[in-house]
């Protein structure tokens, strides 16, 4: 049910943004960020021989990066639509994995200062995750979630942003040696800069 809601909500917000854009001073941007990702997974070592191991949960923290492009909409840039690519190399107890996310998101921004330079934002996101676990085939899965953060306009062309993103996932893989890996969710804290034009 939540997946269906997310699939409807994200395209709808892009349509909303398009309508707002007709009466606004739009601003495009591109950006990049460094991120720290926490991954919540369930693992079963040597799943083909349960006598050698047992299920356990793991929370792993790894570094990654992201690239984005999007557009601000509205008279005060209070709406934002973004396409984001993220890449993280993760390490777990019984193997490593690499994940790439391709995300579409909408944010509503609320001004925190009279000059509109400081703004808080919150929004929804959905897209596809391409995940590869050591010794197993890669897979593409639907992901969805939300993000919040703070944005600061440094100059007319530059801004910086600190954010938190939560993504619900449903990836599972079994390596050739029998190790089983299931990725339940990821949480990302990122800090980056955007160039507006």
N, C-alpha and C. Protein backbone atom coordinates (compact mmCIF):
# COMPACT_ATOMS: atom_id res chain seq x y z
N UNK A 1 0.82 -1.21 0.00
CA UNK A 1 0.00 0.00 0.00
C UNK A 1 0.86 1.26 0.00
N UNK A 2 1.91 1.28 0.85
CA UNK A 2 2.78 2.45 0.92
C UNK A 2 3.50 2.67 -0.41
N UNK A 3 3.87 1.57 -1.10
CA UNK A 3 4.55 1.72 -2.38
C UNK A 3 3.64 2.37 -3.40
N UNK A 4 2.34 1.98 -3.39
CA UNK A 4 1.39 2.56 -4.34
C UNK A 4 1.20 4.05 -4.07
N UNK A 5 1.13 4.40 -2.79
CA UNK A 5 0.97 5.81 -2.43
C UNK A 5 2.17 6.62 -2.89
N UNK A 6 3.38 6.06 -2.67
CA UNK A 6 4.59 6.77 -3.08
C UNK A 6 4.66 6.92 -4.59
N UNK A 7 4.25 5.87 -5.33
CA UNK A 7 4.27 5.93 -6.79
C UNK A 7 3.34 7.00 -7.32
N UNK A 8 2.22 7.22 -6.62
CA UNK A 8 1.26 8.25 -7.02
C UNK A 8 1.72 9.62 -6.57
N UNK A 9 2.27 9.70 -5.35
CA UNK A 9 2.60 11.00 -4.75
C UNK A 9 3.71 11.73 -5.48
N UNK A 10 4.77 11.02 -5.84
CA UNK A 10 5.91 11.71 -6.46
C UNK A 10 5.57 12.30 -7.82
N UNK A 11 4.95 11.52 -8.75
CA UNK A 11 4.57 12.16 -10.02
C UNK A 11 3.59 13.30 -9.83
N UNK A 12 2.69 13.17 -8.85
CA UNK A 12 1.71 14.23 -8.60
C UNK A 12 2.39 15.52 -8.16
N UNK A 13 3.44 15.39 -7.35
CA UNK A 13 4.13 16.60 -6.90
C UNK A 13 4.88 17.27 -8.04
N UNK A 14 5.36 16.48 -9.00
CA UNK A 14 6.00 17.08 -10.17
C UNK A 14 4.99 17.83 -11.02
N UNK A 15 3.77 17.30 -11.12
CA UNK A 15 2.72 18.00 -11.86
C UNK A 15 2.34 19.28 -11.14
N UNK A 16 2.28 19.24 -9.82
CA UNK A 16 1.99 20.43 -9.03
C UNK A 16 3.06 21.48 -9.28
N UNK A 17 4.32 21.04 -9.28
CA UNK A 17 5.42 21.96 -9.51
C UNK A 17 5.32 22.61 -10.88
N UNK A 18 4.89 21.85 -11.89
CA UNK A 18 4.78 22.41 -13.23
C UNK A 18 3.73 23.51 -13.28
N UNK A 19 2.62 23.32 -12.55
CA UNK A 19 1.58 24.34 -12.52
C UNK A 19 2.04 25.59 -11.81
N UNK A 20 2.76 25.43 -10.70
CA UNK A 20 3.27 26.58 -9.96
C UNK A 20 4.26 27.36 -10.80
N UNK A 21 5.02 26.63 -11.62
CA UNK A 21 6.08 27.26 -12.40
C UNK A 21 5.57 28.31 -13.37
N UNK A 22 4.32 28.19 -13.80
CA UNK A 22 3.79 29.13 -14.77
C UNK A 22 3.75 30.55 -14.24
N UNK A 23 3.67 30.70 -12.92
CA UNK A 23 3.56 32.04 -12.34
C UNK A 23 4.72 32.32 -11.40
N UNK A 24 5.89 31.77 -11.68
CA UNK A 24 7.01 31.95 -10.76
C UNK A 24 8.29 32.26 -11.51
N UNK A 25 9.27 32.73 -10.76
CA UNK A 25 10.61 32.98 -11.29
C UNK A 25 11.42 31.72 -11.01
N UNK A 26 11.56 30.87 -11.97
CA UNK A 26 12.17 29.56 -11.76
C UNK A 26 13.69 29.65 -11.70
N UNK A 27 14.30 28.69 -11.03
CA UNK A 27 15.75 28.67 -10.91
C UNK A 27 16.25 27.22 -10.97
N UNK A 28 17.05 26.92 -11.98
CA UNK A 28 17.64 25.60 -12.11
C UNK A 28 18.88 25.48 -11.22
N UNK A 29 19.25 24.24 -10.88
CA UNK A 29 20.47 24.04 -10.09
C UNK A 29 21.06 22.66 -10.36
N UNK A 30 22.36 22.55 -10.13
CA UNK A 30 23.06 21.27 -10.13
C UNK A 30 23.90 21.24 -8.85
N UNK A 31 24.17 20.06 -8.34
CA UNK A 31 24.92 20.00 -7.09
C UNK A 31 25.54 18.65 -6.82
N UNK A 32 26.32 18.62 -5.76
CA UNK A 32 26.95 17.39 -5.33
C UNK A 32 27.09 17.38 -3.82
N UNK A 33 27.25 16.20 -3.25
CA UNK A 33 27.34 16.10 -1.79
C UNK A 33 28.10 14.84 -1.38
N UNK A 34 28.71 14.91 -0.21
CA UNK A 34 29.27 13.73 0.44
C UNK A 34 28.23 13.23 1.42
N UNK A 35 28.14 11.92 1.58
CA UNK A 35 27.11 11.38 2.46
C UNK A 35 27.64 10.23 3.30
N UNK A 36 27.01 10.07 4.45
CA UNK A 36 27.27 8.93 5.33
C UNK A 36 25.99 8.11 5.37
N UNK A 37 26.09 6.84 4.96
CA UNK A 37 24.90 6.00 4.88
C UNK A 37 24.90 4.93 5.95
N UNK A 38 23.76 4.77 6.62
CA UNK A 38 23.56 3.68 7.57
C UNK A 38 22.61 2.68 6.91
N UNK A 39 23.04 1.42 6.83
CA UNK A 39 22.24 0.39 6.19
C UNK A 39 21.79 -0.63 7.22
N UNK A 40 20.50 -0.94 7.24
CA UNK A 40 19.94 -1.94 8.15
C UNK A 40 19.69 -3.21 7.34
N UNK A 41 20.39 -4.29 7.69
CA UNK A 41 20.27 -5.53 6.92
C UNK A 41 20.07 -6.73 7.83
N UNK A 42 19.53 -7.79 7.24
CA UNK A 42 19.42 -9.09 7.89
C UNK A 42 20.35 -10.04 7.15
N UNK A 43 21.18 -10.77 7.89
CA UNK A 43 22.16 -11.64 7.24
C UNK A 43 22.12 -13.05 7.82
N UNK A 44 22.34 -14.02 6.93
CA UNK A 44 22.41 -15.42 7.33
C UNK A 44 23.68 -16.01 6.76
N UNK A 45 24.71 -16.21 7.57
CA UNK A 45 25.95 -16.81 7.05
C UNK A 45 25.75 -18.27 6.70
N UNK A 46 26.29 -18.67 5.55
CA UNK A 46 26.21 -20.06 5.09
C UNK A 46 24.78 -20.58 5.18
N UNK A 47 23.87 -19.87 4.51
CA UNK A 47 22.45 -20.23 4.58
C UNK A 47 22.19 -21.65 4.10
N UNK A 48 23.07 -22.19 3.22
CA UNK A 48 22.85 -23.54 2.72
C UNK A 48 23.17 -24.59 3.78
N UNK A 49 23.82 -24.18 4.88
CA UNK A 49 24.12 -25.09 5.97
C UNK A 49 23.87 -24.37 7.29
N UNK A 50 22.61 -24.33 7.77
CA UNK A 50 22.25 -23.57 8.97
C UNK A 50 23.06 -23.91 10.20
N UNK A 51 23.69 -25.11 10.23
CA UNK A 51 24.47 -25.50 11.40
C UNK A 51 25.70 -24.61 11.56
N UNK A 52 26.12 -23.91 10.49
CA UNK A 52 27.34 -23.11 10.55
C UNK A 52 27.09 -21.67 10.93
N UNK A 53 25.86 -21.28 11.07
CA UNK A 53 25.59 -19.88 11.39
C UNK A 53 24.13 -19.64 11.72
N UNK A 54 23.82 -18.42 12.13
CA UNK A 54 22.44 -18.08 12.46
C UNK A 54 22.16 -16.66 11.99
N UNK A 55 20.86 -16.36 11.84
CA UNK A 55 20.45 -15.04 11.38
C UNK A 55 20.88 -13.97 12.37
N UNK A 56 21.22 -12.80 11.86
CA UNK A 56 21.50 -11.67 12.73
C UNK A 56 21.26 -10.38 11.96
N UNK A 57 21.00 -9.32 12.70
CA UNK A 57 20.81 -8.00 12.10
C UNK A 57 22.12 -7.23 12.15
N UNK A 58 22.30 -6.36 11.17
CA UNK A 58 23.53 -5.58 11.11
C UNK A 58 23.20 -4.15 10.70
N UNK A 59 23.86 -3.20 11.35
CA UNK A 59 23.76 -1.80 10.97
C UNK A 59 25.15 -1.32 10.58
N UNK A 60 25.33 -1.07 9.30
CA UNK A 60 26.64 -0.69 8.78
C UNK A 60 26.63 0.76 8.33
N UNK A 61 27.75 1.45 8.54
CA UNK A 61 27.87 2.87 8.18
C UNK A 61 29.02 3.04 7.19
N UNK A 62 28.69 3.64 6.05
CA UNK A 62 29.67 3.76 4.98
C UNK A 62 29.55 5.12 4.30
N UNK A 63 30.63 5.55 3.65
CA UNK A 63 30.66 6.83 2.94
C UNK A 63 30.22 6.65 1.49
N UNK A 64 29.65 7.72 0.94
CA UNK A 64 29.25 7.71 -0.45
C UNK A 64 29.16 9.14 -0.97
N UNK A 65 28.63 9.27 -2.17
CA UNK A 65 28.47 10.61 -2.74
C UNK A 65 27.16 10.68 -3.51
N UNK A 66 26.73 11.89 -3.83
CA UNK A 66 25.54 12.06 -4.65
C UNK A 66 25.69 13.25 -5.59
N UNK A 67 24.99 13.15 -6.71
CA UNK A 67 24.91 14.21 -7.70
C UNK A 67 23.44 14.50 -7.94
N UNK A 68 23.11 15.76 -8.17
CA UNK A 68 21.70 16.11 -8.33
C UNK A 68 21.52 17.25 -9.31
N UNK A 69 20.29 17.35 -9.83
CA UNK A 69 19.90 18.46 -10.69
C UNK A 69 18.41 18.68 -10.48
N UNK A 70 17.99 19.94 -10.51
CA UNK A 70 16.59 20.20 -10.28
C UNK A 70 16.20 21.63 -10.52
N UNK A 71 15.04 21.99 -9.99
CA UNK A 71 14.50 23.31 -10.24
C UNK A 71 13.68 23.79 -9.05
N UNK A 72 13.85 25.07 -8.70
CA UNK A 72 13.03 25.72 -7.69
C UNK A 72 11.82 26.35 -8.37
N UNK A 73 10.69 26.28 -7.68
CA UNK A 73 9.45 26.79 -8.23
C UNK A 73 8.75 27.66 -7.19
N UNK A 74 7.90 28.57 -7.65
CA UNK A 74 7.16 29.42 -6.73
C UNK A 74 7.75 30.80 -6.61
N UNK A 75 6.94 31.74 -6.16
CA UNK A 75 7.37 33.14 -6.05
C UNK A 75 8.57 33.30 -5.14
N UNK A 76 8.66 32.47 -4.10
CA UNK A 76 9.77 32.55 -3.14
C UNK A 76 10.60 31.26 -3.13
N UNK A 77 10.59 30.55 -4.24
CA UNK A 77 11.33 29.28 -4.34
C UNK A 77 10.92 28.29 -3.25
N UNK A 78 9.63 28.27 -2.92
CA UNK A 78 9.19 27.41 -1.84
C UNK A 78 8.95 25.96 -2.26
N UNK A 79 8.97 25.69 -3.55
CA UNK A 79 8.82 24.32 -4.05
C UNK A 79 10.10 23.92 -4.79
N UNK A 80 10.43 22.64 -4.70
CA UNK A 80 11.64 22.17 -5.39
C UNK A 80 11.43 20.75 -5.88
N UNK A 81 11.81 20.50 -7.13
CA UNK A 81 11.81 19.14 -7.68
C UNK A 81 13.24 18.78 -8.05
N UNK A 82 13.64 17.55 -7.75
CA UNK A 82 15.05 17.16 -7.90
C UNK A 82 15.18 15.74 -8.42
N UNK A 83 16.16 15.53 -9.28
CA UNK A 83 16.59 14.20 -9.67
C UNK A 83 17.96 13.97 -9.03
N UNK A 84 18.12 12.85 -8.32
CA UNK A 84 19.35 12.61 -7.56
C UNK A 84 19.92 11.23 -7.87
N UNK A 85 21.24 11.18 -8.01
CA UNK A 85 21.97 9.92 -8.15
C UNK A 85 22.88 9.78 -6.94
N UNK A 86 22.81 8.64 -6.24
CA UNK A 86 23.70 8.40 -5.10
C UNK A 86 24.47 7.10 -5.33
N UNK A 87 25.69 7.04 -4.77
CA UNK A 87 26.52 5.86 -4.90
C UNK A 87 27.21 5.59 -3.57
N UNK A 88 27.06 4.37 -3.06
CA UNK A 88 27.66 4.00 -1.78
C UNK A 88 28.25 2.60 -1.87
N UNK A 89 29.48 2.44 -1.40
CA UNK A 89 30.09 1.12 -1.24
C UNK A 89 29.94 0.72 0.21
N UNK A 90 29.15 -0.33 0.46
CA UNK A 90 28.87 -0.73 1.82
C UNK A 90 29.62 -1.98 2.22
N UNK A 91 29.94 -2.07 3.50
CA UNK A 91 30.61 -3.25 4.03
C UNK A 91 29.77 -3.88 5.11
N UNK A 92 29.59 -5.20 5.06
CA UNK A 92 28.86 -5.91 6.09
C UNK A 92 29.73 -7.04 6.62
N UNK A 93 29.27 -7.71 7.65
CA UNK A 93 30.08 -8.73 8.30
C UNK A 93 30.48 -9.85 7.35
N UNK A 94 29.56 -10.26 6.48
CA UNK A 94 29.83 -11.41 5.61
C UNK A 94 29.92 -11.03 4.13
N UNK A 95 30.29 -9.80 3.85
CA UNK A 95 30.46 -9.40 2.45
C UNK A 95 30.20 -7.93 2.24
N UNK A 96 30.66 -7.43 1.12
CA UNK A 96 30.46 -6.03 0.78
C UNK A 96 29.38 -5.90 -0.29
N UNK A 97 28.84 -4.71 -0.40
CA UNK A 97 27.86 -4.46 -1.44
C UNK A 97 28.03 -3.04 -1.96
N UNK A 98 27.56 -2.83 -3.17
CA UNK A 98 27.56 -1.49 -3.77
C UNK A 98 26.12 -1.16 -4.17
N UNK A 99 25.73 0.07 -3.88
CA UNK A 99 24.37 0.48 -4.23
C UNK A 99 24.36 1.83 -4.92
N UNK A 100 23.56 1.90 -5.98
CA UNK A 100 23.32 3.16 -6.68
C UNK A 100 21.82 3.44 -6.65
N UNK A 101 21.46 4.66 -6.26
CA UNK A 101 20.06 5.07 -6.23
C UNK A 101 19.80 6.11 -7.31
N UNK A 102 18.66 5.99 -7.97
CA UNK A 102 18.19 6.98 -8.94
C UNK A 102 16.84 7.48 -8.42
N UNK A 103 16.81 8.71 -7.92
CA UNK A 103 15.66 9.19 -7.17
C UNK A 103 15.03 10.44 -7.77
N UNK A 104 13.71 10.52 -7.66
CA UNK A 104 12.96 11.74 -7.99
C UNK A 104 12.31 12.21 -6.70
N UNK A 105 12.41 13.50 -6.40
CA UNK A 105 11.87 13.98 -5.12
C UNK A 105 11.23 15.35 -5.25
N UNK A 106 10.38 15.63 -4.28
CA UNK A 106 9.75 16.94 -4.15
C UNK A 106 9.97 17.43 -2.73
N UNK A 107 10.33 18.72 -2.57
CA UNK A 107 10.50 19.32 -1.26
C UNK A 107 9.69 20.61 -1.16
N UNK A 108 9.17 20.85 0.03
CA UNK A 108 8.59 22.16 0.34
C UNK A 108 9.58 22.87 1.26
N UNK A 109 9.93 24.12 0.93
CA UNK A 109 10.91 24.88 1.70
C UNK A 109 10.22 25.99 2.47
N UNK A 110 10.62 26.14 3.74
CA UNK A 110 10.04 27.15 4.63
C UNK A 110 11.14 28.11 5.07
N UNK A 111 10.92 29.40 4.85
CA UNK A 111 11.94 30.40 5.17
C UNK A 111 12.13 30.53 6.68
N UNK A 112 13.40 30.59 7.10
CA UNK A 112 13.75 30.76 8.51
C UNK A 112 14.33 32.13 8.81
N UNK A 113 14.50 32.95 7.77
CA UNK A 113 15.07 34.29 7.96
C UNK A 113 14.37 35.28 7.05
N UNK A 114 14.46 36.56 7.42
CA UNK A 114 13.78 37.61 6.66
C UNK A 114 14.30 37.72 5.23
N UNK A 115 15.59 37.45 5.04
CA UNK A 115 16.17 37.56 3.70
C UNK A 115 16.03 36.27 2.89
N UNK A 116 15.37 35.27 3.46
CA UNK A 116 15.09 34.00 2.78
C UNK A 116 16.35 33.19 2.48
N UNK A 117 17.45 33.50 3.15
CA UNK A 117 18.68 32.73 2.90
C UNK A 117 18.68 31.41 3.65
N UNK A 118 18.17 31.42 4.88
CA UNK A 118 18.06 30.19 5.66
C UNK A 118 16.67 29.59 5.46
N UNK A 119 16.63 28.32 5.06
CA UNK A 119 15.35 27.67 4.86
C UNK A 119 15.41 26.21 5.31
N UNK A 120 14.32 25.77 5.90
CA UNK A 120 14.17 24.35 6.24
C UNK A 120 13.35 23.70 5.14
N UNK A 121 13.57 22.41 4.94
CA UNK A 121 12.79 21.73 3.90
C UNK A 121 12.39 20.32 4.35
N UNK A 122 11.32 19.83 3.75
CA UNK A 122 10.85 18.46 3.98
C UNK A 122 10.17 18.00 2.71
N UNK A 123 10.31 16.71 2.40
CA UNK A 123 9.71 16.23 1.17
C UNK A 123 9.67 14.72 1.07
N UNK A 124 9.22 14.26 -0.08
CA UNK A 124 9.10 12.82 -0.35
C UNK A 124 9.99 12.46 -1.53
N UNK A 125 10.35 11.18 -1.59
CA UNK A 125 11.23 10.73 -2.67
C UNK A 125 10.90 9.29 -3.04
N UNK A 126 11.16 8.93 -4.28
CA UNK A 126 10.96 7.56 -4.74
C UNK A 126 11.84 7.33 -5.96
N UNK A 127 12.14 6.06 -6.22
CA UNK A 127 12.97 5.77 -7.38
C UNK A 127 13.41 4.32 -7.41
N UNK A 128 14.58 4.09 -7.99
CA UNK A 128 15.11 2.74 -8.17
C UNK A 128 16.49 2.62 -7.53
N UNK A 129 16.72 1.47 -6.91
CA UNK A 129 18.03 1.16 -6.34
C UNK A 129 18.63 -0.02 -7.10
N UNK A 130 19.87 0.14 -7.54
CA UNK A 130 20.62 -0.95 -8.18
C UNK A 130 21.66 -1.43 -7.16
N UNK A 131 21.52 -2.67 -6.69
CA UNK A 131 22.36 -3.17 -5.60
C UNK A 131 23.09 -4.44 -6.02
N UNK A 132 24.36 -4.52 -5.66
CA UNK A 132 25.19 -5.70 -5.96
C UNK A 132 25.87 -6.17 -4.69
N UNK A 133 25.60 -7.43 -4.30
CA UNK A 133 26.22 -8.04 -3.13
C UNK A 133 27.31 -8.99 -3.60
N UNK A 134 28.44 -9.04 -2.85
CA UNK A 134 29.58 -9.88 -3.23
C UNK A 134 29.15 -11.32 -3.51
N UNK A 135 29.53 -11.81 -4.69
CA UNK A 135 29.27 -13.20 -5.01
C UNK A 135 27.86 -13.50 -5.45
N UNK A 136 27.03 -12.47 -5.62
CA UNK A 136 25.64 -12.68 -6.01
C UNK A 136 25.28 -11.76 -7.17
N UNK A 137 24.16 -12.05 -7.81
CA UNK A 137 23.71 -11.20 -8.91
C UNK A 137 23.22 -9.87 -8.39
N UNK A 138 23.30 -8.85 -9.23
CA UNK A 138 22.76 -7.54 -8.87
C UNK A 138 21.25 -7.53 -9.12
N UNK A 139 20.57 -6.54 -8.55
CA UNK A 139 19.12 -6.45 -8.71
C UNK A 139 18.68 -5.00 -8.65
N UNK A 140 17.57 -4.72 -9.32
CA UNK A 140 16.96 -3.39 -9.28
C UNK A 140 15.67 -3.48 -8.47
N UNK A 141 15.51 -2.57 -7.52
CA UNK A 141 14.34 -2.59 -6.65
C UNK A 141 13.78 -1.19 -6.48
N UNK A 142 12.47 -1.13 -6.24
CA UNK A 142 11.80 0.15 -5.98
C UNK A 142 12.13 0.60 -4.55
N UNK A 143 12.44 1.87 -4.38
CA UNK A 143 12.69 2.44 -3.06
C UNK A 143 11.84 3.70 -2.91
N UNK A 144 11.50 4.01 -1.67
CA UNK A 144 10.72 5.22 -1.41
C UNK A 144 11.00 5.70 0.00
N UNK A 145 10.74 6.98 0.24
CA UNK A 145 10.99 7.51 1.57
C UNK A 145 10.76 9.00 1.65
N UNK A 146 11.55 9.65 2.50
CA UNK A 146 11.36 11.08 2.75
C UNK A 146 12.69 11.69 3.16
N UNK A 147 12.75 13.02 3.12
CA UNK A 147 13.96 13.74 3.52
C UNK A 147 13.60 15.06 4.19
N UNK A 148 14.49 15.51 5.07
CA UNK A 148 14.36 16.80 5.75
C UNK A 148 15.75 17.41 5.82
N UNK A 149 15.81 18.73 6.03
CA UNK A 149 17.11 19.36 6.16
C UNK A 149 17.05 20.87 6.21
N UNK A 150 18.23 21.48 6.09
CA UNK A 150 18.37 22.93 6.13
C UNK A 150 19.20 23.37 4.93
N UNK A 151 18.77 24.45 4.30
CA UNK A 151 19.44 24.99 3.12
C UNK A 151 19.84 26.44 3.38
N UNK A 152 21.08 26.80 2.99
CA UNK A 152 21.55 28.18 3.17
C UNK A 152 22.03 28.75 1.85
N UNK A 153 21.48 29.89 1.46
CA UNK A 153 21.84 30.58 0.21
C UNK A 153 23.07 31.45 0.47
N UNK A 154 24.23 31.05 -0.03
CA UNK A 154 25.47 31.78 0.20
C UNK A 154 25.52 33.04 -0.65
N UNK A 155 25.30 32.87 -1.95
CA UNK A 155 25.23 33.98 -2.89
C UNK A 155 24.06 33.72 -3.83
N UNK A 156 23.89 34.56 -4.84
CA UNK A 156 22.82 34.33 -5.79
C UNK A 156 22.99 33.01 -6.53
N UNK A 157 24.24 32.57 -6.69
CA UNK A 157 24.51 31.36 -7.46
C UNK A 157 24.90 30.13 -6.65
N UNK A 158 25.26 30.32 -5.38
CA UNK A 158 25.74 29.20 -4.58
C UNK A 158 24.93 29.03 -3.31
N UNK A 159 24.69 27.77 -2.96
CA UNK A 159 24.00 27.44 -1.71
C UNK A 159 24.58 26.15 -1.16
N UNK A 160 24.43 25.96 0.14
CA UNK A 160 24.88 24.73 0.78
C UNK A 160 23.71 24.10 1.50
N UNK A 161 23.82 22.79 1.72
CA UNK A 161 22.66 22.08 2.27
C UNK A 161 23.10 20.90 3.14
N UNK A 162 22.42 20.75 4.27
CA UNK A 162 22.61 19.61 5.16
C UNK A 162 21.27 18.89 5.25
N UNK A 163 21.27 17.58 4.95
CA UNK A 163 20.00 16.88 4.93
C UNK A 163 20.08 15.45 5.46
N UNK A 164 18.90 14.90 5.71
CA UNK A 164 18.75 13.52 6.15
C UNK A 164 17.70 12.86 5.25
N UNK A 165 18.02 11.67 4.74
CA UNK A 165 17.11 10.96 3.84
C UNK A 165 16.89 9.53 4.35
N UNK A 166 15.63 9.11 4.37
CA UNK A 166 15.27 7.74 4.77
C UNK A 166 14.70 7.03 3.54
N UNK A 167 15.22 5.83 3.26
CA UNK A 167 14.73 5.06 2.13
C UNK A 167 14.36 3.65 2.56
N UNK A 168 13.14 3.26 2.28
CA UNK A 168 12.68 1.90 2.53
C UNK A 168 13.06 1.03 1.34
N UNK A 169 13.65 -0.14 1.61
CA UNK A 169 14.14 -0.99 0.54
C UNK A 169 13.67 -2.43 0.73
N UNK A 170 13.84 -3.22 -0.34
CA UNK A 170 13.44 -4.62 -0.29
C UNK A 170 14.37 -5.46 -1.17
N UNK A 171 15.67 -5.40 -0.85
CA UNK A 171 16.66 -6.14 -1.63
C UNK A 171 17.09 -7.39 -0.88
N UNK A 172 17.22 -8.50 -1.60
CA UNK A 172 17.75 -9.73 -1.01
C UNK A 172 18.59 -10.45 -2.04
N UNK A 173 19.65 -11.12 -1.57
CA UNK A 173 20.54 -11.85 -2.47
C UNK A 173 21.22 -12.97 -1.69
N UNK A 174 21.57 -14.03 -2.40
CA UNK A 174 22.31 -15.15 -1.81
C UNK A 174 23.59 -15.34 -2.60
N UNK A 175 24.72 -15.26 -1.92
CA UNK A 175 26.02 -15.41 -2.57
C UNK A 175 26.27 -16.87 -2.93
N UNK A 176 27.28 -17.10 -3.75
CA UNK A 176 27.59 -18.45 -4.20
C UNK A 176 28.01 -19.36 -3.04
N UNK A 177 28.52 -18.77 -1.95
CA UNK A 177 28.93 -19.59 -0.80
C UNK A 177 27.78 -19.82 0.18
N UNK A 178 26.61 -19.29 -0.13
CA UNK A 178 25.45 -19.52 0.72
C UNK A 178 25.10 -18.39 1.65
N UNK A 179 25.96 -17.38 1.77
CA UNK A 179 25.64 -16.24 2.63
C UNK A 179 24.44 -15.49 2.05
N UNK A 180 23.47 -15.20 2.91
CA UNK A 180 22.26 -14.50 2.48
C UNK A 180 22.26 -13.09 3.06
N UNK A 181 21.86 -12.13 2.23
CA UNK A 181 21.89 -10.72 2.61
C UNK A 181 20.57 -10.07 2.22
N UNK A 182 19.90 -9.43 3.17
CA UNK A 182 18.64 -8.73 2.91
C UNK A 182 18.76 -7.30 3.42
N UNK A 183 18.57 -6.34 2.53
CA UNK A 183 18.67 -4.93 2.88
C UNK A 183 17.27 -4.37 3.11
N UNK A 184 17.01 -3.94 4.34
CA UNK A 184 15.68 -3.49 4.73
C UNK A 184 15.49 -1.99 4.54
N UNK A 185 16.49 -1.20 4.90
CA UNK A 185 16.37 0.25 4.76
C UNK A 185 17.76 0.89 4.78
N UNK A 186 17.83 2.11 4.28
CA UNK A 186 19.05 2.90 4.39
C UNK A 186 18.68 4.30 4.87
N UNK A 187 19.61 4.91 5.61
CA UNK A 187 19.45 6.28 6.07
C UNK A 187 20.71 7.04 5.69
N UNK A 188 20.54 8.20 5.08
CA UNK A 188 21.67 8.97 4.58
C UNK A 188 21.69 10.37 5.19
N UNK A 189 22.84 10.77 5.69
CA UNK A 189 23.07 12.15 6.11
C UNK A 189 24.06 12.73 5.12
N UNK A 190 23.71 13.85 4.50
CA UNK A 190 24.57 14.40 3.46
C UNK A 190 24.82 15.89 3.65
N UNK A 191 25.97 16.35 3.17
CA UNK A 191 26.34 17.76 3.18
C UNK A 191 26.92 18.09 1.82
N UNK A 192 26.35 19.12 1.18
CA UNK A 192 26.81 19.43 -0.16
C UNK A 192 26.57 20.87 -0.57
N UNK A 193 26.89 21.16 -1.81
CA UNK A 193 26.69 22.49 -2.37
C UNK A 193 25.94 22.37 -3.69
N UNK A 194 25.17 23.42 -4.00
CA UNK A 194 24.45 23.50 -5.27
C UNK A 194 24.84 24.78 -5.99
N UNK A 195 24.89 24.69 -7.31
CA UNK A 195 25.12 25.88 -8.13
C UNK A 195 23.82 26.20 -8.86
N UNK A 196 23.32 27.43 -8.67
CA UNK A 196 22.05 27.84 -9.27
C UNK A 196 22.29 28.71 -10.50
N UNK A 197 21.45 28.49 -11.51
CA UNK A 197 21.60 29.27 -12.74
C UNK A 197 20.25 29.46 -13.43
